[in-house]
């Protein structure tokens, strides 16, 4: 068992204080002691350190029930900025937040898919333009969060990074760390959209899968509320499993055709396309059945414009029920992942990483 020293305890108590203030917005020292179960003397000593380091500020006085005024403590929004880059196949946007999670800038980087090199250059240009000088950027910028949407994989954003000696393909995360010498975290939008969906669902499921249907088909699994590591990371490309639909037709162009919004209305679907949709329904139901044999799944979320096609979801549900009988089939629901305001949620996670290390 690892021995816990005084410095470890101190770091843990600092994180506890910072987390409490971030969750409540502002607290007095007495309220912090009550909230964290730390002694008033410990709270006072640690708060004084955090004030000196400018992570916290005193934001005014509140009147207690006893009539005495208590000084409230809040996160110092001016401590610096954090950057979130929202990345999808349909475009990318850069958001800058201060430490109170107030938006400082929103910069559209592209309105379509661009290579990792072009995305890296767009991010670098936006940061340089916003701060004006390296000194200002070094003083203000404390970290990046890369938010990958369901239709794109981190590996698709790799960068050919060149030095005077050699060049190599590295991840966008590694390129940003090398360029800006600051922390970078990666996350996936389905981490947040699935949590939001489960919070509002009638089925309080901890075991779920999300299948995102777009130019490729991506799957993620959550068991007991925690993401499962699959081949390729938290999100796995399962497009190759659908090979029997395509015969000799290239996979990606056909999927892009099927998922175009105008084909998701009955009047726009030709007999040929309707046959392809039925074939896709059959393949998806087979994949869902397979996943349910591997994991104890209660609910399956499907996302993508194709889920709006007339009769598509009903066919997937019915075919899944048939294939899994006599065992019960999971609940299958539509998840509209692109309407979730999740860049700020990643910013909140990044802020905790920056302020509580």
Protein backbone atom coordinates (compact mmCIF):
# COMPACT_ATOMS: atom_id res chain seq x y z
CA UNK A 1 0.00 0.00 0.00
CA UNK A 2 1.33 3.42 -0.95
CA UNK A 3 2.29 5.55 2.04
CA UNK A 4 0.42 8.85 2.16
CA UNK A 5 2.58 11.78 3.26
CA UNK A 6 1.70 15.23 4.56
CA UNK A 7 2.17 16.78 1.13
CA UNK A 8 -0.33 14.32 -0.36
CA UNK A 9 -2.86 15.18 2.33
CA UNK A 10 -2.30 18.88 1.72
CA UNK A 11 -2.85 18.51 -2.04
CA UNK A 12 -6.00 16.52 -1.41
CA UNK A 13 -7.34 19.19 0.96
CA UNK A 14 -6.52 21.97 -1.53
CA UNK A 15 -8.44 20.09 -4.24
CA UNK A 16 -11.33 19.62 -1.83
CA UNK A 17 -11.49 23.37 -1.13
CA UNK A 18 -11.24 24.32 -4.81
CA UNK A 19 -13.86 21.75 -5.85
CA UNK A 20 -16.27 23.00 -3.18
CA UNK A 21 -15.94 26.61 -4.30
CA UNK A 22 -16.27 25.68 -7.99
CA UNK A 23 -19.44 23.71 -7.22
CA UNK A 24 -21.05 26.43 -5.08
CA UNK A 25 -19.75 29.57 -6.77
CA UNK A 26 -18.64 31.25 -3.56
CA UNK A 27 -18.30 30.23 0.09
CA UNK A 28 -17.07 31.79 3.30
CA UNK A 29 -14.29 30.16 5.31
CA UNK A 30 -16.79 28.89 7.87
CA UNK A 31 -18.98 27.44 5.11
CA UNK A 32 -15.89 25.81 3.57
CA UNK A 33 -15.05 24.12 6.86
CA UNK A 34 -18.61 22.82 7.14
CA UNK A 35 -18.71 21.70 3.50
CA UNK A 36 -15.32 19.96 3.45
CA UNK A 37 -15.31 18.66 7.04
CA UNK A 38 -11.87 20.24 7.48
CA UNK A 39 -10.92 22.13 10.62
CA UNK A 40 -11.27 25.96 10.49
CA UNK A 41 -7.52 26.33 11.05
CA UNK A 42 -6.72 24.04 8.10
CA UNK A 43 -9.17 25.91 5.87
CA UNK A 44 -7.71 29.27 6.88
CA UNK A 45 -4.13 28.19 6.19
CA UNK A 46 -4.94 26.68 2.78
CA UNK A 47 -7.19 29.56 1.73
CA UNK A 48 -4.39 32.02 2.54
CA UNK A 49 -2.09 30.04 0.22
CA UNK A 50 -4.68 29.98 -2.56
CA UNK A 51 -5.28 33.72 -2.19
CA UNK A 52 -1.53 34.37 -2.38
CA UNK A 53 -1.29 32.23 -5.53
CA UNK A 54 -4.26 34.19 -6.96
CA UNK A 55 -6.37 31.09 -7.58
CA UNK A 56 -9.00 32.53 -5.22
CA UNK A 57 -10.20 36.05 -4.52
CA UNK A 58 -12.31 37.59 -1.78
CA UNK A 59 -15.47 38.74 -3.52
CA UNK A 60 -17.36 40.53 -0.79
CA UNK A 61 -19.19 39.90 2.45
CA UNK A 62 -22.37 37.97 3.19
CA UNK A 63 -24.43 38.31 6.35
CA UNK A 64 -24.71 35.15 8.43
CA UNK A 65 -27.77 34.18 10.45
CA UNK A 66 -26.02 35.52 13.53
CA UNK A 67 -25.78 38.97 12.02
CA UNK A 68 -22.01 38.84 11.52
CA UNK A 69 -20.50 39.48 8.10
CA UNK A 70 -18.49 36.70 6.46
CA UNK A 71 -16.07 37.28 3.61
CA UNK A 72 -16.90 35.09 0.61
CA UNK A 73 -14.28 33.37 -1.51
CA UNK A 74 -14.58 32.71 -5.26
CA UNK A 75 -12.45 31.41 -8.10
CA UNK A 76 -10.35 34.20 -9.58
CA UNK A 77 -11.69 34.45 -13.12
CA UNK A 78 -8.73 36.62 -14.10
CA UNK A 79 -6.23 33.92 -13.14
CA UNK A 80 -6.13 32.92 -16.81
CA UNK A 81 -7.94 31.28 -19.72
CA UNK A 82 -8.65 27.78 -20.96
CA UNK A 83 -9.31 26.82 -24.55
CA UNK A 84 -11.74 24.20 -25.86
CA UNK A 85 -11.65 23.10 -29.50
CA UNK A 86 -14.89 21.44 -30.65
CA UNK A 87 -13.95 19.13 -33.54
CA UNK A 88 -16.29 17.38 -35.97
CA UNK A 89 -16.28 16.23 -39.58
CA UNK A 90 -18.65 19.11 -40.34
CA UNK A 91 -16.45 21.86 -38.90
CA UNK A 92 -14.46 22.97 -35.86
CA UNK A 93 -14.79 25.88 -33.41
CA UNK A 94 -12.43 27.29 -30.79
CA UNK A 95 -13.80 28.61 -27.47
CA UNK A 96 -11.85 30.61 -24.89
CA UNK A 97 -13.15 30.74 -21.32
CA UNK A 98 -11.86 32.52 -18.23
CA UNK A 99 -11.62 30.62 -14.96
CA UNK A 100 -15.23 31.48 -14.13
CA UNK A 101 -16.21 29.74 -17.38
CA UNK A 102 -17.31 32.99 -19.01
CA UNK A 103 -16.77 32.99 -22.78
CA UNK A 104 -13.97 35.32 -23.84
CA UNK A 105 -13.93 34.45 -27.54
CA UNK A 106 -15.56 32.11 -30.06
CA UNK A 107 -13.55 31.50 -33.24
CA UNK A 108 -14.91 29.35 -36.11
CA UNK A 109 -11.91 27.40 -37.42
CA UNK A 110 -13.60 25.66 -40.36
CA UNK A 111 -17.06 24.87 -41.71
CA UNK A 112 -16.03 21.48 -43.09
CA UNK A 113 -13.58 18.67 -42.46
CA UNK A 114 -9.92 19.71 -42.61
CA UNK A 115 -6.74 17.72 -42.08
CA UNK A 116 -4.93 17.60 -38.75
CA UNK A 117 -2.20 19.87 -40.09
CA UNK A 118 -4.70 22.50 -41.24
CA UNK A 119 -6.58 22.26 -37.94
CA UNK A 120 -3.36 22.66 -35.96
CA UNK A 121 -2.43 25.73 -38.03
CA UNK A 122 -5.94 27.20 -37.58
CA UNK A 123 -5.76 26.73 -33.78
CA UNK A 124 -2.27 28.23 -33.62
CA UNK A 125 -3.30 31.22 -35.75
CA UNK A 126 -6.42 31.87 -33.64
CA UNK A 127 -4.41 31.77 -30.38
CA UNK A 128 -1.67 34.07 -31.71
CA UNK A 129 -4.24 36.52 -33.07
CA UNK A 130 -6.23 36.60 -29.82
CA UNK A 131 -3.28 37.19 -27.45
CA UNK A 132 -1.09 39.27 -29.72
CA UNK A 133 2.19 38.27 -28.08
CA UNK A 134 3.84 35.17 -26.65
CA UNK A 135 4.18 36.86 -23.28
CA UNK A 136 0.45 37.53 -23.01
CA UNK A 137 -0.37 34.02 -24.17
CA UNK A 138 2.05 32.37 -21.73
CA UNK A 139 0.63 34.41 -18.87
CA UNK A 140 -3.03 33.80 -19.72
CA UNK A 141 -3.43 30.41 -21.44
CA UNK A 142 -3.42 27.48 -19.03
CA UNK A 143 -4.63 24.54 -21.07
CA UNK A 144 -6.47 23.05 -24.04
CA UNK A 145 -9.40 20.68 -24.19
CA UNK A 146 -9.98 18.77 -27.44
CA UNK A 147 -13.61 17.73 -27.82
CA UNK A 148 -14.09 15.07 -30.49
CA UNK A 149 -17.60 14.64 -31.86
CA UNK A 150 -19.10 11.24 -32.68
CA UNK A 151 -18.31 11.47 -36.38
CA UNK A 152 -14.54 11.82 -36.06
CA UNK A 153 -11.64 9.98 -34.46
CA UNK A 154 -8.56 11.60 -32.86
CA UNK A 155 -6.35 9.67 -35.29
CA UNK A 156 -7.97 11.57 -38.19
CA UNK A 157 -6.47 14.77 -36.74
CA UNK A 158 -2.86 13.60 -36.60
CA UNK A 159 -0.25 16.22 -37.50
CA UNK A 160 2.93 15.88 -39.54
CA UNK A 161 5.19 17.79 -37.15
CA UNK A 162 8.54 18.85 -38.59
CA UNK A 163 11.71 20.02 -36.87
CA UNK A 164 15.08 20.95 -38.31
CA UNK A 165 16.18 17.32 -37.89
CA UNK A 166 13.15 15.19 -38.81
CA UNK A 167 9.40 14.98 -39.21
CA UNK A 168 6.89 12.55 -37.76
CA UNK A 169 3.15 11.94 -37.50
CA UNK A 170 1.97 12.85 -34.00
CA UNK A 171 -1.42 13.43 -32.43
CA UNK A 172 -3.01 16.87 -32.36
CA UNK A 173 -2.69 16.72 -28.57
CA UNK A 174 1.07 16.13 -28.78
CA UNK A 175 1.46 18.90 -31.36
CA UNK A 176 -0.32 21.43 -29.12
CA UNK A 177 1.74 20.40 -26.08
CA UNK A 178 4.93 20.83 -28.11
CA UNK A 179 3.84 24.17 -29.55
CA UNK A 180 2.39 25.85 -26.45
CA UNK A 181 4.02 23.99 -23.53
CA UNK A 182 0.74 23.65 -21.66
CA UNK A 183 -1.60 20.86 -20.59
CA UNK A 184 -3.96 19.31 -23.14
CA UNK A 185 -6.78 16.85 -22.43
CA UNK A 186 -8.88 14.90 -24.93
CA UNK A 187 -12.51 13.96 -24.47
CA UNK A 188 -15.47 12.77 -26.49
CA UNK A 189 -18.85 14.40 -26.86
CA UNK A 190 -20.66 11.13 -26.21
CA UNK A 191 -19.24 11.14 -22.66
CA UNK A 192 -21.50 14.11 -21.93
CA UNK A 193 -24.43 13.45 -24.27
CA UNK A 194 -24.92 9.95 -22.91
CA UNK A 195 -24.82 11.26 -19.33
CA UNK A 196 -27.42 13.90 -20.20
CA UNK A 197 -29.60 11.35 -21.97
CA UNK A 198 -29.49 8.93 -19.06
CA UNK A 199 -30.36 11.71 -16.60
CA UNK A 200 -33.57 12.49 -18.52
CA UNK A 201 -34.43 8.93 -19.56
CA UNK A 202 -37.19 6.98 -17.85
CA UNK A 203 -34.73 4.08 -17.74
CA UNK A 204 -32.03 4.83 -15.20
CA UNK A 205 -29.47 2.64 -16.95
CA UNK A 206 -25.80 2.48 -16.04
CA UNK A 207 -25.08 0.05 -18.88
CA UNK A 208 -25.52 1.58 -22.31
CA UNK A 209 -24.11 1.81 -25.82
CA UNK A 210 -24.04 4.70 -28.27
CA UNK A 211 -23.88 4.04 -32.02
CA UNK A 212 -23.25 7.19 -34.08
CA UNK A 213 -24.12 6.83 -37.77
CA UNK A 214 -22.46 9.25 -40.16
CA UNK A 215 -19.69 9.04 -42.75
CA UNK A 216 -18.51 6.14 -40.58
CA UNK A 217 -20.25 4.22 -37.80
CA UNK A 218 -18.77 4.60 -34.34
CA UNK A 219 -19.67 2.78 -31.13
CA UNK A 220 -18.98 3.41 -27.45
CA UNK A 221 -19.94 1.40 -24.38
CA UNK A 222 -20.65 2.57 -20.82
CA UNK A 223 -20.80 -0.03 -18.02
CA UNK A 224 -21.66 0.94 -14.45
CA UNK A 225 -21.42 4.57 -15.51
CA UNK A 226 -17.83 4.22 -16.78
CA UNK A 227 -16.64 4.16 -20.42
CA UNK A 228 -15.23 0.84 -21.64
CA UNK A 229 -11.91 0.91 -23.48
CA UNK A 230 -12.48 -0.58 -26.93
CA UNK A 231 -10.23 -1.14 -29.90
CA UNK A 232 -9.21 2.38 -30.88
CA UNK A 233 -10.02 3.92 -27.49
CA UNK A 234 -13.34 4.92 -25.95
CA UNK A 235 -14.89 5.03 -29.39
CA UNK A 236 -14.47 2.23 -31.92
CA UNK A 237 -15.04 2.41 -35.68
CA UNK A 238 -17.39 -0.48 -36.48
CA UNK A 239 -17.96 0.47 -40.13
CA UNK A 240 -16.08 -2.67 -41.36
CA UNK A 241 -18.69 -4.84 -39.62
CA UNK A 242 -21.26 -3.58 -42.13
CA UNK A 243 -19.37 -4.81 -45.19
CA UNK A 244 -22.19 -7.09 -46.37
CA UNK A 245 -24.39 -4.07 -47.13
CA UNK A 246 -22.00 -2.55 -49.58
CA UNK A 247 -20.87 -5.43 -51.81
CA UNK A 248 -18.48 -3.71 -54.22
CA UNK A 249 -19.64 -0.16 -53.42
CA UNK A 250 -17.09 1.95 -51.48
CA UNK A 251 -18.19 2.23 -47.86
CA UNK A 252 -17.81 5.89 -47.00
CA UNK A 253 -19.47 7.48 -50.06
CA UNK A 254 -22.49 5.23 -49.63
CA UNK A 255 -22.85 5.98 -45.94
CA UNK A 256 -22.58 9.69 -46.64
CA UNK A 257 -25.31 9.31 -49.27
CA UNK A 258 -27.60 7.38 -46.92
CA UNK A 259 -27.10 9.92 -44.15
CA UNK A 260 -27.85 13.03 -46.19
CA UNK A 261 -30.82 14.76 -44.60
CA UNK A 262 -32.89 14.87 -47.78
CA UNK A 263 -32.85 11.08 -47.89
CA UNK A 264 -34.33 10.90 -44.42
CA UNK A 265 -37.81 11.74 -45.65
CA UNK A 266 -40.01 9.12 -47.24
CA UNK A 267 -40.73 11.19 -50.37
CA UNK A 268 -37.01 11.49 -51.15
CA UNK A 269 -36.09 7.81 -50.78
CA UNK A 270 -35.86 5.80 -53.99
CA UNK A 271 -36.58 2.02 -53.98
CA UNK A 272 -32.82 1.41 -54.20
CA UNK A 273 -32.10 3.66 -51.22
CA UNK A 274 -35.00 2.14 -49.28
CA UNK A 275 -33.43 -1.27 -49.85
CA UNK A 276 -30.10 0.00 -48.56
CA UNK A 277 -31.78 1.45 -45.47
CA UNK A 278 -33.42 -1.92 -44.80
CA UNK A 279 -30.07 -3.65 -45.22
CA UNK A 280 -28.47 -1.18 -42.80
CA UNK A 281 -31.31 -1.79 -40.30
CA UNK A 282 -30.66 -5.53 -40.49
CA UNK A 283 -26.92 -5.10 -40.00
CA UNK A 284 -27.34 -2.70 -37.08
CA UNK A 285 -29.76 -5.05 -35.35
CA UNK A 286 -27.17 -7.81 -35.72
CA UNK A 287 -24.47 -5.61 -34.22
CA UNK A 288 -26.75 -4.61 -31.34
CA UNK A 289 -27.49 -8.27 -30.66
CA UNK A 290 -23.76 -9.04 -30.68
CA UNK A 291 -23.00 -6.18 -28.28
CA UNK A 292 -25.70 -7.44 -25.93
CA UNK A 293 -24.02 -10.85 -25.80
CA UNK A 294 -20.73 -9.19 -24.85
CA UNK A 295 -22.05 -6.56 -22.42
CA UNK A 296 -25.10 -6.40 -20.11
CA UNK A 297 -26.67 -3.46 -21.98
CA UNK A 298 -29.98 -1.93 -20.87
CA UNK A 299 -30.28 0.81 -23.47
CA UNK A 300 -28.87 1.57 -26.92
CA UNK A 301 -28.68 5.12 -28.27
CA UNK A 302 -28.50 5.72 -32.02
CA UNK A 303 -27.58 9.15 -33.39
CA UNK A 304 -27.30 10.67 -36.85
CA UNK A 305 -29.72 12.13 -39.37
CA UNK A 306 -30.47 8.65 -40.70
CA UNK A 307 -32.43 7.90 -37.52
CA UNK A 308 -35.09 10.34 -38.81
CA UNK A 309 -35.72 8.24 -41.94
CA UNK A 310 -39.31 7.02 -42.03
CA UNK A 311 -39.60 3.57 -40.45
CA UNK A 312 -35.85 3.15 -39.85
CA UNK A 313 -35.90 3.06 -36.04
CA UNK A 314 -38.99 0.86 -35.93
CA UNK A 315 -37.31 -1.65 -38.24
CA UNK A 316 -34.12 -1.68 -36.13
CA UNK A 317 -36.15 -2.29 -32.96
CA UNK A 318 -38.24 -5.07 -34.48
CA UNK A 319 -35.30 -6.89 -36.08
CA UNK A 320 -33.32 -6.64 -32.83
CA UNK A 321 -36.26 -8.09 -30.90
CA UNK A 322 -36.51 -10.99 -33.36
CA UNK A 323 -32.79 -11.75 -33.27
CA UNK A 324 -32.57 -11.68 -29.49
CA UNK A 325 -35.74 -13.68 -28.76
CA UNK A 326 -36.51 -15.26 -26.39
CA UNK A 327 -34.13 -13.02 -24.42
CA UNK A 328 -35.41 -9.46 -23.85
CA UNK A 329 -33.99 -6.82 -26.19
CA UNK A 330 -32.58 -3.50 -24.92
CA UNK A 331 -34.47 -0.24 -25.17
CA UNK A 332 -33.35 1.53 -28.38
CA UNK A 333 -33.65 5.33 -28.45
CA UNK A 334 -32.60 8.23 -30.67
CA UNK A 335 -29.95 10.55 -29.27
CA UNK A 336 -29.56 13.92 -30.96
CA UNK A 337 -25.97 14.47 -29.87
CA UNK A 338 -25.34 17.66 -31.82
CA UNK A 339 -27.76 19.81 -29.82
CA UNK A 340 -25.97 19.37 -26.53
CA UNK A 341 -24.04 22.49 -25.33
CA UNK A 342 -21.08 20.46 -24.17
CA UNK A 343 -18.03 22.66 -24.87
CA UNK A 344 -18.60 24.36 -21.51
CA UNK A 345 -18.79 20.98 -19.77
CA UNK A 346 -15.33 20.09 -21.06
CA UNK A 347 -14.14 23.56 -20.03
CA UNK A 348 -15.37 22.81 -16.51
CA UNK A 349 -13.40 19.56 -16.48
CA UNK A 350 -10.32 21.33 -17.84
CA UNK A 351 -10.63 24.11 -15.27
CA UNK A 352 -10.64 21.55 -12.46
CA UNK A 353 -7.54 19.91 -13.96
CA UNK A 354 -5.75 23.28 -14.13
CA UNK A 355 -6.74 24.67 -10.73
CA UNK A 356 -6.62 21.49 -8.67
CA UNK A 357 -3.28 19.96 -9.63
